[in-house]
N, C-alpha and C. Protein backbone atom coordinates (compact mmCIF):
# COMPACT_ATOMS: atom_id res chain seq x y z
N MET A 1 150.98 218.57 121.94
CA MET A 1 150.18 219.45 122.77
C MET A 1 150.46 220.90 122.44
N LYS A 2 151.37 221.14 121.65
CA LYS A 2 151.78 222.50 121.37
C LYS A 2 150.78 223.15 120.53
N ARG A 3 150.57 224.18 120.84
CA ARG A 3 150.19 224.83 122.06
C ARG A 3 149.14 225.77 121.58
N SER A 4 147.88 225.39 121.60
CA SER A 4 146.81 226.10 120.95
C SER A 4 146.45 227.36 121.71
N THR A 5 146.03 228.39 120.98
CA THR A 5 145.51 229.57 121.63
C THR A 5 144.10 229.29 122.08
N PRO A 6 143.78 229.43 123.38
CA PRO A 6 142.45 229.07 123.87
C PRO A 6 141.37 229.85 123.17
N GLY A 7 140.30 229.16 122.74
CA GLY A 7 139.15 229.81 122.14
C GLY A 7 138.00 229.82 123.12
N VAL A 8 136.79 229.89 122.59
CA VAL A 8 135.61 229.84 123.44
C VAL A 8 135.34 228.39 123.73
N ALA A 9 135.55 227.95 124.96
CA ALA A 9 135.49 226.53 125.31
C ALA A 9 134.10 226.13 125.74
N ALA A 10 133.72 224.89 125.40
CA ALA A 10 132.48 224.29 125.88
C ALA A 10 132.86 223.05 126.65
N VAL A 11 131.98 222.60 127.54
CA VAL A 11 132.29 221.43 128.34
C VAL A 11 132.31 220.20 127.45
N ALA A 12 133.38 219.44 127.54
CA ALA A 12 133.55 218.25 126.69
C ALA A 12 132.89 217.05 127.33
N THR A 13 132.23 216.24 126.49
CA THR A 13 131.62 215.00 126.96
C THR A 13 132.43 213.83 126.49
N ALA A 14 132.80 212.97 127.39
CA ALA A 14 133.69 211.85 127.04
C ALA A 14 132.96 210.88 126.14
N LEU A 15 133.63 210.46 125.08
CA LEU A 15 133.12 209.42 124.19
C LEU A 15 133.95 208.18 124.43
N LEU A 16 133.36 207.21 125.11
CA LEU A 16 134.12 206.02 125.50
C LEU A 16 134.22 205.07 124.33
N LEU A 17 135.18 205.36 123.46
CA LEU A 17 135.39 204.54 122.28
C LEU A 17 136.20 203.31 122.63
N GLY A 18 136.20 202.35 121.74
CA GLY A 18 137.05 201.19 121.94
C GLY A 18 138.50 201.61 121.86
N VAL A 19 139.35 201.04 122.69
CA VAL A 19 140.74 201.45 122.77
C VAL A 19 141.55 200.58 121.84
N THR A 20 142.33 201.24 120.95
CA THR A 20 143.23 200.49 120.09
C THR A 20 144.53 200.26 120.81
N GLY A 21 145.30 199.32 120.30
CA GLY A 21 146.60 199.05 120.91
C GLY A 21 147.65 199.98 120.37
N CYS A 22 148.88 199.71 120.77
CA CYS A 22 149.99 200.50 120.28
C CYS A 22 150.86 199.62 119.42
N GLY A 23 151.79 200.27 118.71
CA GLY A 23 152.69 199.50 117.88
C GLY A 23 152.94 200.20 116.58
N THR A 24 153.27 199.48 115.54
CA THR A 24 153.57 200.07 114.26
C THR A 24 152.30 200.46 113.55
N ASP A 25 152.46 201.24 112.45
CA ASP A 25 151.30 201.64 111.67
C ASP A 25 150.60 200.46 111.04
N ALA A 26 151.31 199.35 110.88
CA ALA A 26 150.68 198.18 110.28
C ALA A 26 149.76 197.46 111.25
N GLY A 27 149.82 197.81 112.55
CA GLY A 27 148.88 197.24 113.49
C GLY A 27 149.43 196.12 114.31
N ALA A 28 150.55 196.32 114.98
CA ALA A 28 151.09 195.28 115.85
C ALA A 28 150.24 195.16 117.09
N SER A 29 150.41 194.08 117.83
CA SER A 29 149.63 193.88 119.04
C SER A 29 150.09 194.83 120.13
N VAL A 30 149.30 194.93 121.19
CA VAL A 30 149.61 195.84 122.28
C VAL A 30 150.97 195.54 122.87
N SER A 31 151.33 194.28 122.95
CA SER A 31 152.60 193.91 123.56
C SER A 31 153.79 194.17 122.66
N ASP A 32 153.53 194.42 121.38
CA ASP A 32 154.61 194.62 120.42
C ASP A 32 154.82 196.10 120.18
N VAL A 33 155.51 196.77 121.09
CA VAL A 33 155.79 198.19 120.96
C VAL A 33 157.07 198.34 120.17
N SER A 34 156.97 198.86 118.95
CA SER A 34 158.14 198.91 118.08
C SER A 34 158.57 200.34 117.83
N THR A 35 159.72 200.48 117.21
CA THR A 35 160.28 201.79 116.93
C THR A 35 159.69 202.35 115.65
N PRO A 36 159.08 203.54 115.69
CA PRO A 36 158.56 204.13 114.46
C PRO A 36 159.70 204.61 113.59
N THR A 37 159.47 204.60 112.29
CA THR A 37 160.45 205.11 111.36
C THR A 37 160.28 206.60 111.19
N ALA A 38 161.31 207.37 111.42
CA ALA A 38 161.22 208.81 111.27
C ALA A 38 161.01 209.16 109.81
N THR A 39 159.94 209.92 109.52
CA THR A 39 159.66 210.31 108.15
C THR A 39 160.30 211.63 107.79
N LYS A 40 160.78 212.35 108.78
CA LYS A 40 161.37 213.65 108.51
C LYS A 40 162.30 214.01 109.64
N SER A 41 163.52 214.39 109.33
CA SER A 41 164.45 214.83 110.35
C SER A 41 164.27 216.31 110.56
N LEU A 42 163.89 216.72 111.78
CA LEU A 42 163.56 218.10 112.06
C LEU A 42 164.76 218.82 112.60
N GLY A 43 164.96 220.05 112.12
CA GLY A 43 166.10 220.82 112.54
C GLY A 43 167.24 220.66 111.56
N PRO A 44 168.30 221.46 111.70
CA PRO A 44 169.44 221.38 110.79
C PRO A 44 170.03 219.98 110.75
N ALA A 45 170.28 219.46 109.54
CA ALA A 45 170.73 218.08 109.40
C ALA A 45 172.03 217.83 110.15
N ALA A 46 172.90 218.82 110.15
CA ALA A 46 174.19 218.62 110.78
C ALA A 46 174.10 218.53 112.29
N LYS A 47 172.97 219.00 112.84
CA LYS A 47 172.84 219.04 114.29
C LYS A 47 171.76 218.07 114.77
N ALA A 48 171.37 217.11 113.96
CA ALA A 48 170.31 216.17 114.32
C ALA A 48 170.86 214.76 114.32
N PRO A 49 171.64 214.37 115.32
CA PRO A 49 172.16 213.01 115.39
C PRO A 49 171.04 212.02 115.61
N ARG A 50 171.34 210.77 115.44
CA ARG A 50 170.35 209.71 115.64
C ARG A 50 169.77 209.81 117.05
N SER A 51 168.45 209.79 117.13
CA SER A 51 167.79 210.05 118.41
C SER A 51 167.80 208.82 119.31
N SER A 52 168.11 209.05 120.58
CA SER A 52 168.02 207.98 121.57
C SER A 52 166.58 207.75 122.00
N LEU A 53 165.65 208.63 121.57
CA LEU A 53 164.25 208.54 121.98
C LEU A 53 163.38 207.75 121.00
N ALA A 54 163.89 207.53 119.79
CA ALA A 54 163.05 206.93 118.75
C ALA A 54 162.52 205.56 119.16
N GLY A 55 163.31 204.78 119.87
CA GLY A 55 162.88 203.44 120.26
C GLY A 55 161.92 203.40 121.43
N LEU A 56 161.54 204.59 121.95
CA LEU A 56 160.68 204.64 123.13
C LEU A 56 159.24 205.02 122.79
N ILE A 57 158.94 205.22 121.52
CA ILE A 57 157.67 205.82 121.12
C ILE A 57 156.58 204.77 120.96
N VAL A 58 155.40 205.05 121.53
CA VAL A 58 154.22 204.20 121.40
C VAL A 58 153.22 204.91 120.49
N LEU A 59 152.71 204.19 119.49
CA LEU A 59 151.79 204.76 118.51
C LEU A 59 150.43 204.06 118.55
N PRO A 60 149.37 204.76 118.16
CA PRO A 60 148.05 204.11 118.09
C PRO A 60 147.96 203.18 116.89
N ARG A 61 147.54 201.97 117.14
CA ARG A 61 147.45 200.97 116.07
C ARG A 61 146.43 201.41 115.02
N GLY A 62 146.79 201.25 113.77
CA GLY A 62 145.89 201.55 112.67
C GLY A 62 145.94 202.98 112.18
N TYR A 63 146.55 203.89 112.96
CA TYR A 63 146.69 205.26 112.50
C TYR A 63 147.75 205.33 111.41
N ILE A 64 147.65 206.32 110.54
CA ILE A 64 148.50 206.40 109.36
C ILE A 64 149.42 207.62 109.43
N ALA A 65 150.44 207.64 108.57
CA ALA A 65 151.39 208.74 108.55
C ALA A 65 150.68 210.05 108.22
N ASP A 66 151.15 211.11 108.83
CA ASP A 66 150.59 212.45 108.64
C ASP A 66 151.55 213.23 107.76
N SER A 67 151.21 213.39 106.49
CA SER A 67 152.13 214.02 105.53
C SER A 67 152.32 215.50 105.79
N LYS A 68 151.42 216.13 106.55
CA LYS A 68 151.52 217.56 106.80
C LYS A 68 152.35 217.89 108.03
N SER A 69 152.73 216.90 108.78
CA SER A 69 153.49 217.15 110.00
C SER A 69 154.46 216.00 110.20
N GLY A 70 155.75 216.27 110.04
CA GLY A 70 156.74 215.22 110.07
C GLY A 70 156.95 214.63 111.45
N SER A 71 157.54 213.46 111.47
CA SER A 71 157.90 212.79 112.71
C SER A 71 159.41 212.59 112.75
N GLY A 72 159.97 212.72 113.93
CA GLY A 72 161.40 212.49 114.06
C GLY A 72 162.00 213.33 115.17
N PRO A 73 163.32 213.27 115.31
CA PRO A 73 163.99 214.01 116.37
C PRO A 73 163.95 215.51 116.10
N PHE A 74 163.99 216.29 117.16
CA PHE A 74 164.08 217.74 117.00
C PHE A 74 165.02 218.32 118.05
N ASN A 75 165.61 219.46 117.70
CA ASN A 75 166.40 220.22 118.66
C ASN A 75 165.59 221.44 119.10
N ALA A 76 166.16 222.25 119.95
CA ALA A 76 165.42 223.39 120.49
C ALA A 76 165.00 224.35 119.39
N ALA A 77 165.91 224.62 118.44
CA ALA A 77 165.60 225.58 117.38
C ALA A 77 164.43 225.11 116.53
N ALA A 78 164.40 223.82 116.18
CA ALA A 78 163.31 223.29 115.37
C ALA A 78 161.98 223.36 116.11
N PHE A 79 162.00 223.04 117.41
CA PHE A 79 160.77 223.11 118.20
C PHE A 79 160.24 224.53 118.26
N LEU A 80 161.11 225.48 118.53
CA LEU A 80 160.68 226.88 118.66
C LEU A 80 160.19 227.42 117.32
N ASP A 81 160.80 227.02 116.23
CA ASP A 81 160.42 227.52 114.91
C ASP A 81 159.11 226.92 114.40
N ASN A 82 158.84 225.66 114.77
CA ASN A 82 157.73 224.94 114.14
C ASN A 82 156.48 224.79 115.01
N TRP A 83 156.63 224.64 116.33
CA TRP A 83 155.48 224.24 117.14
C TRP A 83 155.20 225.11 118.35
N SER A 84 156.07 226.03 118.65
CA SER A 84 155.86 226.86 119.83
C SER A 84 155.00 228.07 119.48
N ALA A 85 153.93 228.27 120.26
CA ALA A 85 153.09 229.46 120.10
C ALA A 85 153.67 230.66 120.84
N VAL A 86 154.55 230.40 121.79
CA VAL A 86 155.17 231.47 122.59
C VAL A 86 156.68 231.20 122.67
N PRO A 87 157.40 231.42 121.58
CA PRO A 87 158.81 231.03 121.53
C PRO A 87 159.67 231.61 122.64
N ALA A 88 159.45 232.86 123.02
CA ALA A 88 160.28 233.45 124.06
C ALA A 88 160.13 232.71 125.38
N VAL A 89 158.89 232.36 125.71
CA VAL A 89 158.63 231.63 126.96
C VAL A 89 159.19 230.22 126.88
N ASP A 90 158.93 229.54 125.76
CA ASP A 90 159.40 228.16 125.62
C ASP A 90 160.92 228.09 125.54
N ARG A 91 161.54 229.10 124.95
CA ARG A 91 163.00 229.12 124.91
C ARG A 91 163.57 229.15 126.33
N ALA A 92 162.97 229.97 127.18
CA ALA A 92 163.43 230.05 128.56
C ALA A 92 163.18 228.74 129.30
N LEU A 93 162.03 228.11 129.05
CA LEU A 93 161.73 226.83 129.71
C LEU A 93 162.74 225.76 129.30
N LEU A 94 163.03 225.68 128.02
CA LEU A 94 163.98 224.66 127.54
C LEU A 94 165.39 224.93 128.08
N LEU A 95 165.77 226.19 128.11
CA LEU A 95 167.09 226.54 128.62
C LEU A 95 167.21 226.18 130.10
N ASN A 96 166.20 226.55 130.88
CA ASN A 96 166.22 226.26 132.31
C ASN A 96 166.19 224.76 132.60
N ALA A 97 165.56 224.00 131.69
CA ALA A 97 165.47 222.55 131.88
C ALA A 97 166.73 221.83 131.44
N GLY A 98 167.67 222.53 130.85
CA GLY A 98 168.84 221.85 130.30
C GLY A 98 168.44 220.89 129.19
N PHE A 99 167.52 221.32 128.32
CA PHE A 99 166.97 220.47 127.26
C PHE A 99 168.09 219.82 126.45
N ILE A 100 167.98 218.51 126.26
CA ILE A 100 169.00 217.74 125.55
C ILE A 100 168.54 217.36 124.14
N GLU A 101 167.36 216.78 124.03
CA GLU A 101 166.83 216.37 122.73
C GLU A 101 165.34 216.12 122.85
N GLY A 102 164.68 216.06 121.70
CA GLY A 102 163.25 215.78 121.69
C GLY A 102 162.89 214.88 120.53
N TYR A 103 161.68 214.32 120.60
CA TYR A 103 161.17 213.48 119.52
C TYR A 103 159.68 213.75 119.36
N ARG A 104 159.22 213.85 118.12
CA ARG A 104 157.82 214.14 117.84
C ARG A 104 157.29 213.08 116.86
N ALA A 105 156.09 212.59 117.14
CA ALA A 105 155.42 211.66 116.23
C ALA A 105 153.99 212.15 116.02
N THR A 106 153.54 212.16 114.79
CA THR A 106 152.16 212.52 114.47
C THR A 106 151.55 211.45 113.58
N ARG A 107 150.28 211.15 113.81
CA ARG A 107 149.56 210.17 113.02
C ARG A 107 148.11 210.62 112.86
N LEU A 108 147.46 210.13 111.80
CA LEU A 108 146.06 210.41 111.53
C LEU A 108 145.24 209.14 111.66
N SER A 109 144.01 209.28 112.14
CA SER A 109 143.10 208.14 112.15
C SER A 109 142.80 207.74 110.71
N PRO A 110 142.39 206.49 110.49
CA PRO A 110 142.14 206.05 109.11
C PRO A 110 141.16 206.93 108.35
N ASP A 111 140.19 207.54 109.04
CA ASP A 111 139.26 208.44 108.36
C ASP A 111 139.77 209.87 108.29
N ARG A 112 140.98 210.09 108.82
CA ARG A 112 141.67 211.39 108.80
C ARG A 112 140.94 212.48 109.59
N LYS A 113 140.06 212.09 110.47
CA LYS A 113 139.33 213.07 111.27
C LYS A 113 140.01 213.40 112.59
N LYS A 114 140.93 212.52 113.02
CA LYS A 114 141.62 212.75 114.29
C LYS A 114 143.12 212.76 114.05
N ARG A 115 143.79 213.68 114.72
CA ARG A 115 145.26 213.75 114.63
C ARG A 115 145.87 213.47 116.00
N PHE A 116 146.73 212.46 116.04
CA PHE A 116 147.45 212.10 117.26
C PHE A 116 148.84 212.73 117.21
N THR A 117 149.24 213.35 118.31
CA THR A 117 150.58 213.93 118.42
C THR A 117 151.22 213.49 119.72
N LEU A 118 152.45 213.03 119.63
CA LEU A 118 153.25 212.71 120.80
C LEU A 118 154.55 213.50 120.73
N GLN A 119 154.88 214.19 121.82
CA GLN A 119 156.15 214.88 121.93
C GLN A 119 156.86 214.42 123.21
N VAL A 120 158.14 214.12 123.09
CA VAL A 120 158.95 213.71 124.22
C VAL A 120 160.14 214.66 124.32
N PHE A 121 160.36 215.19 125.51
CA PHE A 121 161.46 216.11 125.77
C PHE A 121 162.39 215.49 126.82
N LYS A 122 163.68 215.53 126.55
CA LYS A 122 164.65 215.03 127.52
C LYS A 122 165.32 216.21 128.20
N ALA A 123 165.14 216.31 129.53
CA ALA A 123 165.74 217.37 130.32
C ALA A 123 167.01 216.87 130.99
N ALA A 124 167.69 217.79 131.68
CA ALA A 124 168.96 217.44 132.30
C ALA A 124 168.77 216.54 133.53
N THR A 125 167.69 216.75 134.28
CA THR A 125 167.44 215.99 135.51
C THR A 125 165.95 215.75 135.66
N PRO A 126 165.53 214.78 136.49
CA PRO A 126 164.10 214.59 136.75
C PRO A 126 163.43 215.83 137.33
N ALA A 127 164.11 216.54 138.22
CA ALA A 127 163.51 217.75 138.80
C ALA A 127 163.27 218.81 137.74
N LYS A 128 164.21 218.97 136.83
CA LYS A 128 164.04 219.95 135.76
C LYS A 128 162.98 219.50 134.77
N ALA A 129 162.83 218.21 134.56
CA ALA A 129 161.77 217.70 133.70
C ALA A 129 160.40 218.06 134.26
N LYS A 130 160.24 217.95 135.56
CA LYS A 130 158.96 218.28 136.20
C LYS A 130 158.64 219.76 136.03
N VAL A 131 159.63 220.62 136.19
CA VAL A 131 159.41 222.05 136.00
C VAL A 131 159.04 222.35 134.55
N LEU A 132 159.71 221.67 133.61
CA LEU A 132 159.40 221.86 132.19
C LEU A 132 157.98 221.42 131.88
N GLN A 133 157.57 220.28 132.40
CA GLN A 133 156.19 219.81 132.19
C GLN A 133 155.18 220.84 132.68
N GLU A 134 155.37 221.33 133.88
CA GLU A 134 154.42 222.27 134.45
C GLU A 134 154.41 223.60 133.69
N GLY A 135 155.60 224.02 133.22
CA GLY A 135 155.66 225.24 132.44
C GLY A 135 154.88 225.14 131.14
N PHE A 136 155.03 224.02 130.44
CA PHE A 136 154.26 223.79 129.23
C PHE A 136 152.76 223.71 129.53
N TRP A 137 152.40 222.92 130.53
CA TRP A 137 150.99 222.65 130.82
C TRP A 137 150.24 223.92 131.20
N ASN A 138 150.87 224.80 131.94
CA ASN A 138 150.20 225.99 132.44
C ASN A 138 149.98 227.06 131.38
N GLN A 139 150.46 226.84 130.17
CA GLN A 139 150.23 227.81 129.10
C GLN A 139 148.82 227.73 128.53
N ASP A 140 148.13 226.63 128.73
CA ASP A 140 146.78 226.46 128.19
C ASP A 140 145.75 226.47 129.32
N ALA A 141 144.51 226.84 128.96
CA ALA A 141 143.39 226.69 129.88
C ALA A 141 142.88 225.26 129.80
N HIS A 142 142.57 224.66 130.95
CA HIS A 142 142.13 223.27 130.99
C HIS A 142 140.77 223.19 131.67
N GLU A 143 139.96 222.21 131.24
CA GLU A 143 138.58 222.13 131.70
C GLU A 143 138.30 220.93 132.59
N ARG A 144 138.64 219.74 132.13
CA ARG A 144 138.17 218.54 132.85
C ARG A 144 139.22 217.44 132.75
N SER A 145 139.67 216.97 133.88
CA SER A 145 140.67 215.90 133.90
C SER A 145 139.99 214.54 133.80
N PHE A 146 140.77 213.54 133.42
CA PHE A 146 140.30 212.16 133.43
C PHE A 146 141.41 211.30 134.01
N ASN A 147 141.11 210.03 134.23
CA ASN A 147 141.97 209.21 135.07
C ASN A 147 143.12 208.58 134.28
N VAL A 148 144.31 209.14 134.48
CA VAL A 148 145.56 208.50 134.08
C VAL A 148 146.52 208.70 135.25
N PRO A 149 146.94 207.62 135.91
CA PRO A 149 147.79 207.77 137.10
C PRO A 149 149.06 208.56 136.81
N ASN A 150 149.40 209.46 137.72
CA ASN A 150 150.65 210.23 137.67
C ASN A 150 150.76 211.08 136.40
N ALA A 151 149.63 211.57 135.92
CA ALA A 151 149.64 212.39 134.72
C ALA A 151 148.70 213.58 134.88
N LEU A 152 149.01 214.65 134.18
CA LEU A 152 148.09 215.77 134.01
C LEU A 152 147.24 215.47 132.78
N THR A 153 145.92 215.64 132.89
CA THR A 153 145.03 215.31 131.78
C THR A 153 143.99 216.40 131.60
N ASP A 154 143.45 216.47 130.39
CA ASP A 154 142.40 217.45 130.11
C ASP A 154 141.58 216.99 128.92
N ALA A 155 140.28 217.25 129.00
CA ALA A 155 139.36 217.03 127.88
C ALA A 155 138.53 218.29 127.72
N ARG A 156 138.47 218.80 126.51
CA ARG A 156 137.73 220.05 126.29
C ARG A 156 137.28 220.14 124.84
N VAL A 157 136.33 221.02 124.60
CA VAL A 157 135.92 221.39 123.26
C VAL A 157 136.05 222.89 123.16
N GLU A 158 136.76 223.36 122.14
CA GLU A 158 137.01 224.79 122.01
C GLU A 158 136.76 225.24 120.58
N TYR A 159 136.59 226.54 120.42
CA TYR A 159 136.36 227.12 119.10
C TYR A 159 137.69 227.47 118.46
N ASP A 160 137.91 227.02 117.25
CA ASP A 160 139.11 227.33 116.49
C ASP A 160 138.81 228.50 115.56
N GLY A 161 139.30 229.67 115.94
CA GLY A 161 139.02 230.85 115.15
C GLY A 161 139.63 230.81 113.77
N GLY A 162 140.71 230.06 113.59
CA GLY A 162 141.35 229.98 112.29
C GLY A 162 140.53 229.24 111.26
N THR A 163 139.80 228.21 111.69
CA THR A 163 139.01 227.40 110.76
C THR A 163 137.51 227.61 110.89
N GLY A 164 137.10 228.30 111.96
CA GLY A 164 135.67 228.49 112.19
C GLY A 164 134.97 227.21 112.60
N GLN A 165 135.71 226.26 113.17
CA GLN A 165 135.15 224.98 113.58
C GLN A 165 135.34 224.76 115.08
N SER A 166 134.63 223.78 115.58
CA SER A 166 134.86 223.32 116.94
C SER A 166 135.97 222.29 116.92
N GLU A 167 136.75 222.24 117.99
CA GLU A 167 137.84 221.27 118.08
C GLU A 167 137.78 220.56 119.43
N ALA A 168 137.68 219.24 119.39
CA ALA A 168 137.70 218.43 120.61
C ALA A 168 139.13 218.01 120.88
N VAL A 169 139.57 218.21 122.12
CA VAL A 169 140.96 217.95 122.49
C VAL A 169 141.00 217.03 123.71
N ALA A 170 141.75 215.96 123.62
CA ALA A 170 142.06 215.12 124.78
C ALA A 170 143.58 215.05 124.87
N GLU A 171 144.12 215.33 126.08
CA GLU A 171 145.57 215.37 126.19
C GLU A 171 146.03 214.87 127.55
N ALA A 172 147.26 214.40 127.57
CA ALA A 172 147.88 213.92 128.81
C ALA A 172 149.34 214.29 128.79
N SER A 173 149.87 214.59 129.97
CA SER A 173 151.28 214.95 130.11
C SER A 173 151.81 214.28 131.37
N PHE A 174 153.00 213.68 131.26
CA PHE A 174 153.58 213.02 132.44
C PHE A 174 155.10 213.05 132.34
N VAL A 175 155.73 212.77 133.47
CA VAL A 175 157.18 212.75 133.57
C VAL A 175 157.62 211.37 134.02
N VAL A 176 158.62 210.83 133.33
CA VAL A 176 159.27 209.59 133.75
C VAL A 176 160.77 209.87 133.76
N GLY A 177 161.37 209.88 134.92
CA GLY A 177 162.77 210.24 135.02
C GLY A 177 162.99 211.65 134.52
N ALA A 178 163.90 211.81 133.57
CA ALA A 178 164.19 213.12 133.00
C ALA A 178 163.42 213.38 131.71
N LEU A 179 162.41 212.54 131.39
CA LEU A 179 161.64 212.67 130.16
C LEU A 179 160.25 213.23 130.43
N VAL A 180 159.85 214.18 129.61
CA VAL A 180 158.48 214.71 129.62
C VAL A 180 157.79 214.21 128.37
N ALA A 181 156.62 213.59 128.53
CA ALA A 181 155.85 213.12 127.38
C ALA A 181 154.52 213.85 127.34
N GLU A 182 154.16 214.31 126.15
CA GLU A 182 152.87 214.98 125.92
C GLU A 182 152.13 214.26 124.80
N LEU A 183 150.90 213.82 125.08
CA LEU A 183 150.07 213.13 124.09
C LEU A 183 148.80 213.93 123.88
N THR A 184 148.40 214.09 122.62
CA THR A 184 147.21 214.85 122.29
C THR A 184 146.48 214.19 121.13
N ILE A 185 145.16 214.14 121.21
CA ILE A 185 144.33 213.80 120.05
C ILE A 185 143.35 214.95 119.83
N ARG A 186 143.36 215.49 118.62
CA ARG A 186 142.47 216.58 118.24
C ARG A 186 141.54 216.13 117.13
N GLN A 187 140.30 216.58 117.23
CA GLN A 187 139.31 216.28 116.19
C GLN A 187 138.48 217.52 115.95
N THR A 188 138.40 217.97 114.70
CA THR A 188 137.61 219.14 114.37
C THR A 188 136.26 218.73 113.79
N GLY A 189 135.31 219.63 113.94
CA GLY A 189 133.98 219.41 113.39
C GLY A 189 133.28 220.74 113.19
N ALA A 190 132.33 220.78 112.27
CA ALA A 190 131.59 222.01 112.04
C ALA A 190 130.85 222.43 113.30
N LEU A 191 130.66 223.73 113.45
CA LEU A 191 129.93 224.22 114.61
C LEU A 191 128.57 223.55 114.70
N GLY A 192 128.23 223.10 115.89
CA GLY A 192 126.96 222.43 116.11
C GLY A 192 127.02 220.93 116.00
N THR A 193 128.17 220.38 115.56
CA THR A 193 128.28 218.93 115.41
C THR A 193 128.75 218.25 116.70
N ASN A 194 129.24 219.03 117.66
CA ASN A 194 129.62 218.52 118.97
C ASN A 194 130.66 217.39 118.90
N PRO A 195 131.85 217.66 118.35
CA PRO A 195 132.91 216.63 118.40
C PRO A 195 133.29 216.35 119.85
N ARG A 196 133.69 215.12 120.13
CA ARG A 196 133.97 214.71 121.51
C ARG A 196 135.42 214.27 121.66
N PRO A 197 136.06 214.70 122.73
CA PRO A 197 137.46 214.29 122.95
C PRO A 197 137.58 212.77 123.09
N ASP A 198 138.59 212.20 122.47
CA ASP A 198 138.80 210.76 122.52
C ASP A 198 139.58 210.41 123.79
N ILE A 199 138.90 210.47 124.91
CA ILE A 199 139.52 210.22 126.21
C ILE A 199 140.04 208.79 126.30
N ALA A 200 139.26 207.85 125.81
CA ALA A 200 139.63 206.45 125.97
C ALA A 200 140.96 206.14 125.31
N LEU A 201 141.17 206.64 124.10
CA LEU A 201 142.40 206.33 123.38
C LEU A 201 143.60 207.03 124.01
N VAL A 202 143.45 208.30 124.38
CA VAL A 202 144.56 209.01 125.00
C VAL A 202 144.94 208.36 126.33
N ALA A 203 143.95 207.97 127.12
CA ALA A 203 144.24 207.33 128.40
C ALA A 203 145.00 206.02 128.20
N ALA A 204 144.56 205.22 127.23
CA ALA A 204 145.23 203.93 126.98
C ALA A 204 146.65 204.14 126.49
N LEU A 205 146.85 205.07 125.54
CA LEU A 205 148.18 205.31 125.02
C LEU A 205 149.10 205.91 126.07
N ALA A 206 148.56 206.78 126.92
CA ALA A 206 149.38 207.38 127.98
C ALA A 206 149.89 206.31 128.94
N LYS A 207 149.03 205.38 129.31
CA LYS A 207 149.44 204.31 130.22
C LYS A 207 150.49 203.41 129.57
N GLN A 208 150.31 203.11 128.29
CA GLN A 208 151.28 202.28 127.59
C GLN A 208 152.61 203.02 127.42
N GLN A 209 152.54 204.32 127.13
CA GLN A 209 153.76 205.10 126.98
C GLN A 209 154.49 205.23 128.32
N GLN A 210 153.76 205.42 129.39
CA GLN A 210 154.38 205.44 130.72
C GLN A 210 155.11 204.15 131.01
N ALA A 211 154.45 203.03 130.72
CA ALA A 211 155.06 201.73 130.98
C ALA A 211 156.31 201.54 130.14
N ARG A 212 156.27 201.99 128.90
CA ARG A 212 157.43 201.85 128.01
C ARG A 212 158.62 202.67 128.53
N LEU A 213 158.39 203.90 128.91
CA LEU A 213 159.46 204.75 129.42
C LEU A 213 159.98 204.25 130.76
N THR A 214 159.06 203.76 131.60
CA THR A 214 159.47 203.29 132.93
C THR A 214 160.33 202.04 132.82
N SER A 215 159.94 201.12 131.93
CA SER A 215 160.71 199.88 131.80
C SER A 215 162.09 200.16 131.23
N THR A 216 162.18 201.14 130.37
CA THR A 216 163.46 201.49 129.78
C THR A 216 164.38 202.18 130.80
N SER A 217 163.80 203.11 131.57
CA SER A 217 164.62 203.87 132.52
C SER A 217 165.06 203.00 133.68
N SER A 218 164.29 201.95 133.99
CA SER A 218 164.66 201.09 135.10
C SER A 218 165.68 200.03 134.68
């Protein structure tokens, strides 16, 4: 979800696509939630121990590795250097949350038109995790929510000034215990092509990710 600069937004229309399951990139069944293999260790090698979050990650079935954006554990310095649009603000949020560790996974749809991103942050306490979630979420302008229980959601279409294209965004953010999870699917298209946020897939993955984190924490 990190952290786009808002452009000129248009109202997003939901495209109710078929929902894929979660699992490995090879396409495991919905019930087979497996641990993704980290393709890149983010942050200084000496300070990146084996992540306790890696086994908690749910991925969209059939999506492929994203060579332009690595997956794996990250520390605060790596997050601020690579994905934060407002490092000073995010540094304060992470510090106040007692940030412990994070994990990021990115995947591309088979046609490479959609990019899925999942980020998980571990805070010191559930209360601090909630504050961290809200601090991150309030940095962006949001247009239209959709139904994912106990989650913040948004679907929008905005103008990307860097590429001169429209970008459809569907995202969800939720807290389970001391963990904050952020899921985003972005799809770009030429102006006038009206790309649509993939609400169905984000909603399905968010529910599966919630269930995975809840079963583990309990």
